[in-house]
Protein backbone atom coordinates (compact mmCIF):
# COMPACT_ATOMS: atom_id res chain seq x y z
CA MET A 1 45.05 -119.66 60.41
CA LEU A 2 42.82 -122.48 61.74
CA SER A 3 39.89 -119.89 61.57
CA GLU A 4 40.45 -119.08 58.05
CA ILE A 5 40.53 -122.87 57.19
CA HIS A 6 37.31 -123.21 59.36
CA GLN A 7 35.66 -120.34 57.10
CA ILE A 8 36.74 -121.94 53.73
CA ILE A 9 35.55 -125.46 55.00
CA VAL A 10 31.97 -123.79 55.90
CA GLU A 11 31.80 -121.68 52.70
CA ARG A 12 33.03 -124.31 50.25
CA TYR A 13 32.70 -127.81 51.63
CA PRO A 14 28.78 -127.95 51.08
CA SER A 15 29.06 -127.46 47.21
CA THR A 16 32.48 -128.61 46.27
CA ASN A 17 34.18 -132.08 45.67
CA SER A 18 35.99 -133.19 48.86
CA GLN A 19 39.01 -134.48 47.33
CA LYS A 20 39.29 -131.63 45.56
CA LEU A 21 39.09 -129.30 48.46
CA ALA A 22 41.20 -131.39 50.53
CA ASP A 23 44.08 -130.94 47.93
CA GLU A 24 43.43 -127.09 47.84
CA LEU A 25 43.69 -127.11 51.82
CA ASN A 26 46.60 -129.45 51.82
CA LEU A 27 44.70 -131.87 54.07
CA SER A 28 43.89 -135.48 53.78
CA ILE A 29 40.65 -136.72 52.81
CA TYR A 30 40.23 -138.45 55.89
CA GLN A 31 41.25 -135.04 58.06
CA LEU A 32 38.71 -133.24 56.14
CA ARG A 33 35.97 -135.48 56.64
CA ARG A 34 36.45 -135.95 60.31
CA TYR A 35 36.46 -132.10 60.73
CA VAL A 36 33.29 -131.55 58.81
CA LYS A 37 31.79 -134.40 61.09
CA LYS A 38 32.95 -132.90 64.10
CA HIS A 39 31.77 -129.27 63.37
CA LYS A 40 28.41 -130.83 61.57
CA ILE A 41 29.09 -129.41 58.21
CA ALA A 42 26.88 -131.27 55.67
CA LYS A 43 26.71 -131.13 51.75
CA THR A 44 23.93 -129.45 50.26
CA GLU A 45 20.80 -131.47 48.80
CA SER A 46 21.51 -129.97 45.29
CA TYR A 47 25.27 -130.72 45.42
CA LEU A 48 24.51 -134.20 46.29
CA LYS A 49 21.71 -134.62 43.64
CA SER A 50 24.39 -133.34 41.19
CA VAL A 51 26.64 -135.90 42.34
CA ILE A 52 24.04 -138.73 42.11
CA ASN A 53 23.30 -137.63 38.38
CA LYS A 54 26.71 -137.42 37.38
CA MET A 55 27.21 -141.04 38.85
CA HIS A 56 24.43 -142.25 36.54
CA TYR A 57 25.15 -140.33 33.44
CA GLU A 58 28.95 -142.22 33.78
CA LYS A 59 27.38 -145.36 34.51
CA GLU A 60 25.29 -145.31 31.28
CA ARG A 61 27.96 -143.79 29.37
CA ALA A 62 30.18 -146.48 30.27
CA TYR A 63 27.44 -149.08 29.50
CA GLN A 64 26.86 -147.84 26.02
CA ASN A 65 30.58 -147.71 25.44
CA ASN A 66 31.08 -151.05 26.38
CA ARG A 67 27.95 -152.67 25.19
CA VAL A 68 28.34 -155.47 22.82
CA VAL A 69 26.22 -155.20 19.46
CA LEU A 70 25.25 -158.45 18.33
CA LYS A 71 23.49 -158.92 15.18
CA PRO A 72 22.20 -162.25 14.22
CA ASN A 73 21.86 -163.73 10.86
CA GLU A 74 18.80 -165.17 9.43
CA ILE A 75 19.84 -168.77 10.55
CA GLN A 76 20.65 -167.84 14.16
CA ASP A 77 17.53 -165.82 14.33
CA ASN A 78 15.48 -168.78 13.17
CA ILE A 79 17.15 -170.76 16.06
CA ILE A 80 16.55 -168.43 18.74
CA ILE A 81 12.84 -168.04 17.52
CA GLY A 82 12.21 -171.81 17.42
CA SER A 83 13.90 -172.23 20.63
CA LEU A 84 11.91 -169.64 22.21
CA LEU A 85 8.80 -171.18 20.99
CA GLY A 86 10.15 -174.17 22.53
CA ASP A 87 12.21 -174.65 25.90
CA GLY A 88 13.95 -171.11 25.75
CA SER A 89 13.35 -168.47 28.02
CA LEU A 90 14.52 -164.85 28.60
CA ALA A 91 15.28 -162.91 31.92
CA ARG A 92 17.07 -160.22 33.50
CA TYR A 93 18.98 -161.06 36.72
CA GLY A 94 21.02 -158.79 39.05
CA ARG A 95 21.36 -155.11 38.19
CA SER A 96 21.55 -155.57 34.36
CA LYS A 97 19.38 -153.50 32.49
CA GLU A 98 19.30 -156.14 29.61
CA SER A 99 17.82 -159.39 29.18
CA HIS A 100 19.67 -162.81 28.66
CA TYR A 101 18.74 -166.23 27.23
CA ARG A 102 18.77 -169.62 29.24
CA GLU A 103 17.92 -173.01 28.33
CA HIS A 104 17.69 -176.17 30.38
CA GLY A 105 17.03 -179.92 29.39
CA CYS A 106 17.92 -183.48 30.42
CA ILE A 107 21.42 -184.56 30.40
CA ALA A 108 20.72 -187.07 27.49
CA GLN A 109 20.04 -184.00 25.24
CA ASN A 110 23.46 -182.26 25.92
CA ASP A 111 24.78 -182.82 22.30
CA TYR A 112 21.89 -181.33 21.03
CA ARG A 113 22.47 -178.16 23.43
CA LYS A 114 26.28 -178.24 22.46
CA TRP A 115 25.12 -177.87 18.81
CA LYS A 116 22.78 -175.00 19.37
CA ALA A 117 25.61 -173.43 21.57
CA THR A 118 27.97 -173.78 18.94
CA MET A 119 25.55 -172.22 16.36
CA LEU A 120 24.98 -169.42 18.40
CA SER A 121 28.45 -169.06 19.52
CA THR A 122 29.07 -165.47 17.64
CA LEU A 123 26.19 -164.34 19.97
CA HIS A 124 27.91 -165.13 22.85
CA PHE A 125 26.09 -168.27 23.93
CA LYS A 126 27.72 -170.91 26.03
CA TYR A 127 26.95 -174.43 27.19
CA HIS A 128 27.15 -175.68 30.58
CA GLU A 129 25.90 -178.69 32.30
CA ASP A 130 26.04 -180.43 35.79
CA LEU A 131 25.25 -183.84 36.94
CA ASN A 132 21.45 -184.04 36.20
CA ALA A 133 20.81 -181.35 33.47
CA ALA A 134 22.30 -179.80 30.50
CA GLY A 135 21.87 -176.08 29.37
CA MET A 136 23.04 -173.16 27.62
CA LYS A 137 22.72 -169.36 28.20
CA SER A 138 23.96 -166.02 26.71
CA ILE A 139 25.42 -162.78 28.18
CA SER A 140 22.79 -159.86 28.95
CA ASN A 141 22.60 -157.85 25.92
CA ALA A 142 20.26 -155.54 24.21
CA LEU A 143 19.40 -158.14 21.58
CA PHE A 144 17.82 -160.53 23.91
CA SER A 145 15.76 -157.43 25.46
CA THR A 146 14.28 -156.99 22.00
CA TYR A 147 13.63 -160.58 21.89
CA HIS A 148 12.01 -160.14 25.38
CA GLN A 149 9.72 -157.62 24.09
CA LEU A 150 8.63 -159.61 21.12
CA PHE A 151 7.98 -162.76 23.18
CA TYR A 152 6.82 -161.65 26.60
CA GLU A 153 3.27 -159.95 27.67
CA ASN A 154 2.84 -159.45 31.72
CA GLY A 155 5.48 -162.28 32.32
CA ARG A 156 3.59 -164.77 29.91
CA LYS A 157 5.45 -166.43 26.89
CA ARG A 158 3.01 -165.93 23.68
CA VAL A 159 2.73 -166.37 20.11
CA THR A 160 2.16 -163.74 17.71
CA PRO A 161 2.07 -162.99 13.78
CA GLU A 162 5.09 -160.81 14.20
CA ILE A 163 6.99 -163.80 16.06
CA LEU A 164 5.64 -166.31 13.41
CA GLU A 165 6.83 -164.06 10.34
CA ARG A 166 10.51 -164.63 11.48
CA LEU A 167 9.94 -168.59 11.52
CA THR A 168 11.20 -168.80 7.95
CA HIS A 169 13.76 -171.36 7.86
CA PRO A 170 13.71 -175.52 8.55
CA LEU A 171 16.01 -174.94 11.21
CA GLY A 172 13.95 -172.90 13.34
CA LEU A 173 10.97 -175.66 13.19
CA LEU A 174 13.71 -178.27 13.82
CA CYS A 175 14.84 -176.14 17.30
CA LEU A 176 10.74 -176.25 18.01
CA TYR A 177 10.28 -179.74 17.38
CA LEU A 178 13.67 -180.91 19.29
CA ASP A 179 12.76 -178.92 22.12
CA ASP A 180 9.10 -179.74 22.60
CA GLY A 181 8.34 -182.14 20.18
CA SER A 182 7.94 -186.52 20.06
CA LEU A 183 7.81 -189.11 17.23
CA VAL A 184 5.73 -191.75 18.77
CA ILE A 185 5.15 -195.09 17.31
CA ASP A 186 1.12 -196.04 18.02
CA ARG A 187 -0.59 -199.58 17.31
CA TYR A 188 -3.86 -200.84 17.09
CA ILE A 189 -4.20 -204.92 16.70
CA ARG A 190 -7.08 -206.41 14.36
CA ASN A 191 -7.27 -210.03 13.70
CA ASN A 192 -4.14 -211.08 15.28
CA THR A 193 -2.48 -208.63 13.26
CA ILE A 194 -0.53 -205.44 14.92
CA HIS A 195 -0.72 -202.26 12.72
CA LEU A 196 1.96 -199.64 13.52
CA PHE A 197 1.47 -195.93 12.46
CA PRO A 198 3.47 -192.82 13.50
CA ARG A 199 2.46 -189.42 14.98
CA ILE A 200 4.21 -186.40 15.80
CA THR A 201 3.42 -183.99 18.77
CA ILE A 202 4.57 -180.66 19.68
CA TYR A 203 3.81 -180.12 23.06
CA SER A 204 2.46 -176.51 22.87
CA GLN A 205 0.16 -176.65 25.75
CA SER A 206 1.73 -173.50 27.42
CA PHE A 207 0.29 -171.53 24.52
CA THR A 208 -3.55 -170.44 24.54
CA GLU A 209 -5.68 -172.34 21.83
CA GLN A 210 -5.91 -169.01 19.52
CA GLU A 211 -1.77 -169.19 19.54
CA ASN A 212 -1.85 -172.76 18.71
CA LEU A 213 -4.22 -171.91 15.72
CA LEU A 214 -1.81 -169.21 14.62
CA LEU A 215 1.36 -171.48 15.02
CA ARG A 216 -0.70 -174.56 12.97
CA GLY A 217 -1.66 -172.09 10.20
CA HIS A 218 1.87 -170.58 9.74
CA ILE A 219 3.78 -174.10 9.61
CA TYR A 220 1.16 -175.10 6.78
CA ASN A 221 1.61 -171.78 5.22
CA GLN A 222 5.43 -171.60 5.10
CA PHE A 223 6.32 -175.35 5.38
CA ASN A 224 3.54 -176.98 3.66
CA ILE A 225 2.78 -179.43 6.62
CA SER A 226 -0.31 -180.04 8.33
CA PHE A 227 -1.17 -180.12 12.08
CA ILE A 228 -4.18 -180.73 13.95
CA LEU A 229 -5.17 -179.46 17.31
CA LYS A 230 -5.35 -182.40 19.93
CA LYS A 231 -7.16 -182.03 23.15
CA ARG A 232 -4.98 -182.16 26.52
CA ASN A 233 -5.66 -181.95 30.18
CA ASP A 234 -2.62 -179.78 31.12
CA GLY A 235 -1.55 -176.33 30.26
CA HIS A 236 -4.25 -174.57 27.81
CA GLY A 237 -5.67 -177.83 26.86
CA VAL A 238 -4.14 -178.24 23.30
CA VAL A 239 -1.03 -179.33 21.57
CA LEU A 240 -0.33 -179.77 17.82
CA GLN A 241 -0.37 -183.41 16.14
CA CYS A 242 0.47 -184.56 12.98
CA ASN A 243 -1.24 -187.96 11.99
CA TYR A 244 -0.88 -188.48 8.40
CA ARG A 245 1.66 -190.36 6.53
CA ASP A 246 2.44 -187.96 3.65
CA ASP A 247 2.82 -184.76 6.12
CA ILE A 248 5.08 -186.85 8.83
CA ILE A 249 7.40 -187.92 5.82
CA ARG A 250 7.26 -184.33 4.43
CA PHE A 251 8.00 -182.98 7.84
CA LEU A 252 11.02 -184.99 8.79
CA ASP A 253 12.23 -184.72 5.27
CA LEU A 254 12.42 -181.17 5.52
CA LEU A 255 14.63 -181.38 8.70
CA LYS A 256 16.48 -183.97 7.47
CA PRO A 257 19.30 -182.03 5.41
CA TYR A 258 20.10 -180.03 8.82
CA THR A 259 20.73 -183.00 11.09
CA SER A 260 23.81 -184.43 9.68
CA ASP A 261 26.02 -182.87 12.52
CA ARG A 262 27.58 -185.67 14.55
CA LEU A 263 25.90 -183.75 17.97
CA LEU A 264 22.53 -184.20 16.56
CA HIS A 265 22.89 -188.25 15.91
CA ARG A 266 21.77 -188.89 19.78
CA MET A 267 18.34 -187.05 18.52
CA CYS A 268 17.59 -189.85 16.23
CA TYR A 269 14.80 -191.51 18.09
CA LYS A 270 12.91 -187.98 17.06
CA LEU A 271 14.33 -187.77 13.52
CA ASP A 272 14.54 -191.27 11.80
CA LEU A 273 11.23 -192.61 11.31
CA ASN A 274 12.73 -195.86 9.78
CA HIS A 275 14.68 -196.25 12.90
CA ALA A 276 11.74 -195.62 15.15
CA MET A 277 9.42 -198.25 13.41
CA MET A 278 11.88 -200.86 13.37
CA LEU A 279 12.66 -200.59 17.03
CA ARG A 280 9.00 -200.80 17.95
CA SER A 281 8.47 -203.59 15.24
CA GLU A 282 11.13 -205.64 16.88
CA GLU A 283 9.46 -204.82 20.51
CA TYR A 284 6.05 -206.36 19.31
CA LYS A 285 7.62 -209.14 17.57
CA LYS A 286 9.13 -210.33 20.85
CA ASN A 287 6.10 -209.52 23.01
CA TYR A 288 3.47 -211.12 20.43
CA PRO A 289 5.37 -213.68 18.50
CA ASN A 290 2.04 -214.95 17.07
CA CYS A 291 1.07 -211.80 15.51
CA LYS A 292 1.75 -210.14 12.03
CA ILE A 293 3.48 -206.67 12.31
CA ILE A 294 2.20 -204.21 9.54
CA ASN A 295 3.53 -200.78 9.32
CA ASP A 296 0.76 -198.43 8.19
CA ARG A 297 1.23 -194.87 6.92
CA ILE A 298 5.06 -195.15 5.79
CA ILE A 299 6.69 -195.92 2.59
């Protein structure tokens, strides 16, 4: 009897499922494993290869069956495009085949990130924060892999016409601005008079000069806002800047209808020109009580 079982194991074990063979021989899987180890009976290479291929197939089938299909609408696509031109990034982690979105910022902008996560909640975005930073992230999904292919080349985020043709809504421009933009009130003093004037800067120095030219041209063609290239000492050496009264007012008026959500109120230092001018006027009135304050380039 033992010799018969031995012969069966020798003939069939190398190319048969171990559990199936153990059941047929009325053995436990552990008894079978001890026996083949003792007698140095091994699986064939072709059988092991077929098992590995089957595992890969089953894993891929399970992945495809369980994969969530995400379809952003135009607003959501613009928010993601604008954010990826700004603070957003895409990456893969662990064994995931697909990319995920992530974004971090200072804790002072936590409400802004909450607003973004809410706007993108149907795409499985979530807000998170700790003591020093606020951020948002998505699940890993094929959708974000398509954005990854669109935005990244050799690990560097880029600007291309294909990206910009999808930046069609003011909400996309709003996200780029709130991520990487600033509203600054400058001054010059003449004849005991302080002249205040605003400027808006988008800190796009992570992109090349040619990419900044593409972005500047698209903002003008799509939204009728004029920016210039301004030299800077870091990154690729240029940022976008808006210096003229009409363009600044038109820019902020374009964004205003989309900034009424209470979660964006803390971003008023970037969005409310009159408020920014008032604060700077009060500052200079206190520091220069004998000077006249004039708000230039503003209605």
